[in-house]
Amino acid sequence: MNGSARRPASQPLTMHPSVKVLAHKPLISFIGKRVWPATAGPSHPHPAAPPEWQKSFFEKAGPHSSPRASQDHAVFLEFWDAPARFSKPSSRYLEQVEIDAILSGGASLR
């Protein structure tokens, strides 16, 4: 019997968990829904910019410093509203040999 005690056959086998299962708590914490301002704030120099650049910032920036201030081009809210020239692929089509070379990491070239 090797020194171990046997349990009687009438006693049910009970299992004891060795690890307690806890509720999962992610390591990342979310701060909530972001709210973005509807308009851009006033232009200002970067706080770490050299003092001489901070002084001359508003002279160089002028009234047209904000890219959203005046838009002389059309804005498309949906991709299908854009002209056809934007939906054409700007690169050529790949041949099957080139696709295989890319997918195999170059191993198919040997």
C-alpha atoms as a PDB file:
ATOM      1  CA  MET A   1       0.000   0.000   0.000  1.00  0.00           C
ATOM      2  CA  ASN A   2       3.018   2.289  -0.033  1.00  0.00           C
ATOM      3  CA  GLY A   3       1.950   4.103   3.117  1.00  0.00           C
ATOM      4  CA  SER A   4      -1.040   5.853   1.495  1.00  0.00           C
ATOM      5  CA  ALA A   5      -4.486   5.522   2.993  1.00  0.00           C
ATOM      6  CA  ARG A   6      -7.216   4.177   0.766  1.00  0.00           C
ATOM      7  CA  ARG A   7     -10.621   5.709   0.897  1.00  0.00           C
ATOM      8  CA  PRO A   8     -13.609   3.494   1.439  1.00  0.00           C
ATOM      9  CA  ALA A   9     -15.604   2.659  -1.685  1.00  0.00           C
ATOM     10  CA  SER A  10     -18.741   4.243  -0.219  1.00  0.00           C
ATOM     11  CA  GLN A  11     -17.090   7.691   0.040  1.00  0.00           C
ATOM     12  CA  PRO A  12     -17.436   9.789  -3.171  1.00  0.00           C
ATOM     13  CA  LEU A  13     -14.359  11.248  -4.790  1.00  0.00           C
ATOM     14  CA  THR A  14     -14.242  15.014  -4.286  1.00  0.00           C
ATOM     15  CA  MET A  15     -12.091  17.354  -6.299  1.00  0.00           C
ATOM     16  CA  HIS A  16     -10.572  20.499  -4.898  1.00  0.00           C
ATOM     17  CA  PRO A  17      -9.562  23.207  -7.314  1.00  0.00           C
ATOM     18  CA  SER A  18      -5.911  24.144  -7.052  1.00  0.00           C
ATOM     19  CA  VAL A  19      -6.424  27.570  -8.577  1.00  0.00           C
ATOM     20  CA  LYS A  20      -9.233  29.917  -7.716  1.00  0.00           C
ATOM     21  CA  VAL A  21     -10.903  31.325 -10.816  1.00  0.00           C
ATOM     22  CA  LEU A  22     -11.225  35.085 -10.562  1.00  0.00           C
ATOM     23  CA  ALA A  23     -13.119  37.473 -12.792  1.00  0.00           C
ATOM     24  CA  HIS A  24     -10.955  38.751 -15.647  1.00  0.00           C
ATOM     25  CA  LYS A  25      -9.857  42.354 -15.206  1.00  0.00           C
ATOM     26  CA  PRO A  26      -8.127  43.791 -18.270  1.00  0.00           C
ATOM     27  CA  LEU A  27      -4.802  45.521 -17.769  1.00  0.00           C
ATOM     28  CA  ILE A  28      -5.909  48.455 -19.896  1.00  0.00           C
ATOM     29  CA  SER A  29      -8.414  50.938 -18.526  1.00  0.00           C
ATOM     30  CA  PHE A  30     -10.694  52.907 -20.800  1.00  0.00           C
ATOM     31  CA  ILE A  31     -11.436  56.499 -19.893  1.00  0.00           C
ATOM     32  CA  GLY A  32     -14.762  56.756 -21.683  1.00  0.00           C
ATOM     33  CA  LYS A  33     -16.163  58.164 -24.880  1.00  0.00           C
ATOM     34  CA  ARG A  34     -14.110  60.866 -26.545  1.00  0.00           C
ATOM     35  CA  VAL A  35     -15.705  64.156 -27.431  1.00  0.00           C
ATOM     36  CA  TRP A  36     -13.982  66.096 -30.192  1.00  0.00           C
ATOM     37  CA  PRO A  37     -14.573  69.824 -30.666  1.00  0.00           C
ATOM     38  CA  ALA A  38     -16.565  70.866 -33.721  1.00  0.00           C
ATOM     39  CA  THR A  39     -14.048  73.562 -34.675  1.00  0.00           C
ATOM     40  CA  ALA A  40     -10.303  73.780 -34.385  1.00  0.00           C
ATOM     41  CA  GLY A  41      -8.882  75.896 -31.612  1.00  0.00           C
ATOM     42  CA  PRO A  42      -6.806  79.006 -32.205  1.00  0.00           C
ATOM     43  CA  SER A  43      -3.365  78.562 -33.718  1.00  0.00           C
ATOM     44  CA  HIS A  44      -0.460  78.870 -31.315  1.00  0.00           C
ATOM     45  CA  PRO A  45       3.231  78.054 -31.368  1.00  0.00           C
ATOM     46  CA  HIS A  46       4.515  74.864 -29.804  1.00  0.00           C
ATOM     47  CA  PRO A  47       5.483  75.424 -26.141  1.00  0.00           C
ATOM     48  CA  ALA A  48       8.946  73.941 -26.729  1.00  0.00           C
ATOM     49  CA  ALA A  49       9.666  76.160 -29.741  1.00  0.00           C
ATOM     50  CA  PRO A  50      12.589  78.580 -29.428  1.00  0.00           C
ATOM     51  CA  PRO A  51      11.555  82.015 -28.138  1.00  0.00           C
ATOM     52  CA  GLU A  52      12.390  83.788 -31.412  1.00  0.00           C
ATOM     53  CA  TRP A  53      10.084  81.393 -33.298  1.00  0.00           C
ATOM     54  CA  GLN A  54       7.307  81.893 -30.755  1.00  0.00           C
ATOM     55  CA  LYS A  55       7.530  85.683 -31.220  1.00  0.00           C
ATOM     56  CA  SER A  56       7.383  85.482 -35.019  1.00  0.00           C
ATOM     57  CA  PHE A  57       4.779  82.692 -35.177  1.00  0.00           C
ATOM     58  CA  PHE A  58       1.754  84.910 -35.730  1.00  0.00           C
ATOM     59  CA  GLU A  59       3.551  86.991 -38.363  1.00  0.00           C
ATOM     60  CA  LYS A  60       4.403  83.881 -40.386  1.00  0.00           C
ATOM     61  CA  ALA A  61       1.149  82.039 -39.759  1.00  0.00           C
ATOM     62  CA  GLY A  62      -1.148  84.832 -40.808  1.00  0.00           C
ATOM     63  CA  PRO A  63      -4.907  84.461 -41.171  1.00  0.00           C
ATOM     64  CA  HIS A  64      -4.675  81.396 -43.439  1.00  0.00           C
ATOM     65  CA  SER A  65      -2.845  79.186 -40.936  1.00  0.00           C
ATOM     66  CA  SER A  66      -5.757  76.848 -40.328  1.00  0.00           C
ATOM     67  CA  PRO A  67      -6.198  74.283 -43.122  1.00  0.00           C
ATOM     68  CA  ARG A  68      -9.918  73.968 -42.305  1.00  0.00           C
ATOM     69  CA  ALA A  69     -10.546  77.701 -42.337  1.00  0.00           C
ATOM     70  CA  SER A  70     -11.235  77.942 -46.055  1.00  0.00           C
ATOM     71  CA  GLN A  71     -11.878  74.977 -48.268  1.00  0.00           C
ATOM     72  CA  ASP A  72     -12.038  75.721 -51.962  1.00  0.00           C
ATOM     73  CA  HIS A  73     -12.458  72.062 -52.902  1.00  0.00           C
ATOM     74  CA  ALA A  74     -15.362  69.683 -52.596  1.00  0.00           C
ATOM     75  CA  VAL A  75     -15.708  67.499 -49.529  1.00  0.00           C
ATOM     76  CA  PHE A  76     -17.212  64.032 -49.984  1.00  0.00           C
ATOM     77  CA  LEU A  77     -18.867  62.387 -47.022  1.00  0.00           C
ATOM     78  CA  GLU A  78     -19.272  59.014 -48.748  1.00  0.00           C
ATOM     79  CA  PHE A  79     -16.778  57.321 -51.031  1.00  0.00           C
ATOM     80  CA  TRP A  80     -19.326  56.773 -53.789  1.00  0.00           C
ATOM     81  CA  ASP A  81     -19.905  60.535 -54.045  1.00  0.00           C
ATOM     82  CA  ALA A  82     -16.295  61.088 -55.102  1.00  0.00           C
ATOM     83  CA  PRO A  83     -15.381  61.332 -58.805  1.00  0.00           C
ATOM     84  CA  ALA A  84     -14.336  58.172 -60.646  1.00  0.00           C
ATOM     85  CA  ARG A  85     -10.678  59.246 -60.768  1.00  0.00           C
ATOM     86  CA  PHE A  86     -10.432  58.549 -57.019  1.00  0.00           C
ATOM     87  CA  SER A  87     -11.755  55.006 -57.305  1.00  0.00           C
ATOM     88  CA  LYS A  88      -9.234  53.831 -59.905  1.00  0.00           C
ATOM     89  CA  PRO A  89      -6.244  51.965 -58.475  1.00  0.00           C
ATOM     90  CA  SER A  90      -3.140  54.117 -58.573  1.00  0.00           C
ATOM     91  CA  SER A  91      -0.872  51.096 -58.927  1.00  0.00           C
ATOM     92  CA  ARG A  92      -0.757  48.471 -61.623  1.00  0.00           C
ATOM     93  CA  TYR A  93      -2.324  45.065 -61.189  1.00  0.00           C
ATOM     94  CA  LEU A  94      -0.073  42.327 -59.830  1.00  0.00           C
ATOM     95  CA  GLU A  95       0.576  39.130 -61.729  1.00  0.00           C
ATOM     96  CA  GLN A  96       0.070  35.766 -60.029  1.00  0.00           C
ATOM     97  CA  VAL A  97       3.853  35.172 -59.858  1.00  0.00           C
ATOM     98  CA  GLU A  98       4.302  38.444 -57.968  1.00  0.00           C
ATOM     99  CA  ILE A  99       1.457  37.632 -55.581  1.00  0.00           C
ATOM    100  CA  ASP A 100       2.995  34.221 -54.845  1.00  0.00           C
ATOM    101  CA  ALA A 101       6.379  35.829 -54.214  1.00  0.00           C
ATOM    102  CA  ILE A 102       4.857  38.308 -51.767  1.00  0.00           C
ATOM    103  CA  LEU A 103       2.769  35.728 -49.917  1.00  0.00           C
ATOM    104  CA  SER A 104       5.661  33.276 -49.611  1.00  0.00           C
ATOM    105  CA  GLY A 105       8.077  35.940 -48.408  1.00  0.00           C
ATOM    106  CA  GLY A 106      10.271  35.400 -51.456  1.00  0.00           C
ATOM    107  CA  ALA A 107      10.594  31.631 -50.970  1.00  0.00           C
ATOM    108  CA  SER A 108       8.777  30.918 -54.242  1.00  0.00           C
ATOM    109  CA  LEU A 109      11.502  32.721 -56.202  1.00  0.00           C
ATOM    110  CA  ARG A 110      14.054  29.967 -55.543  1.00  0.00           C
END
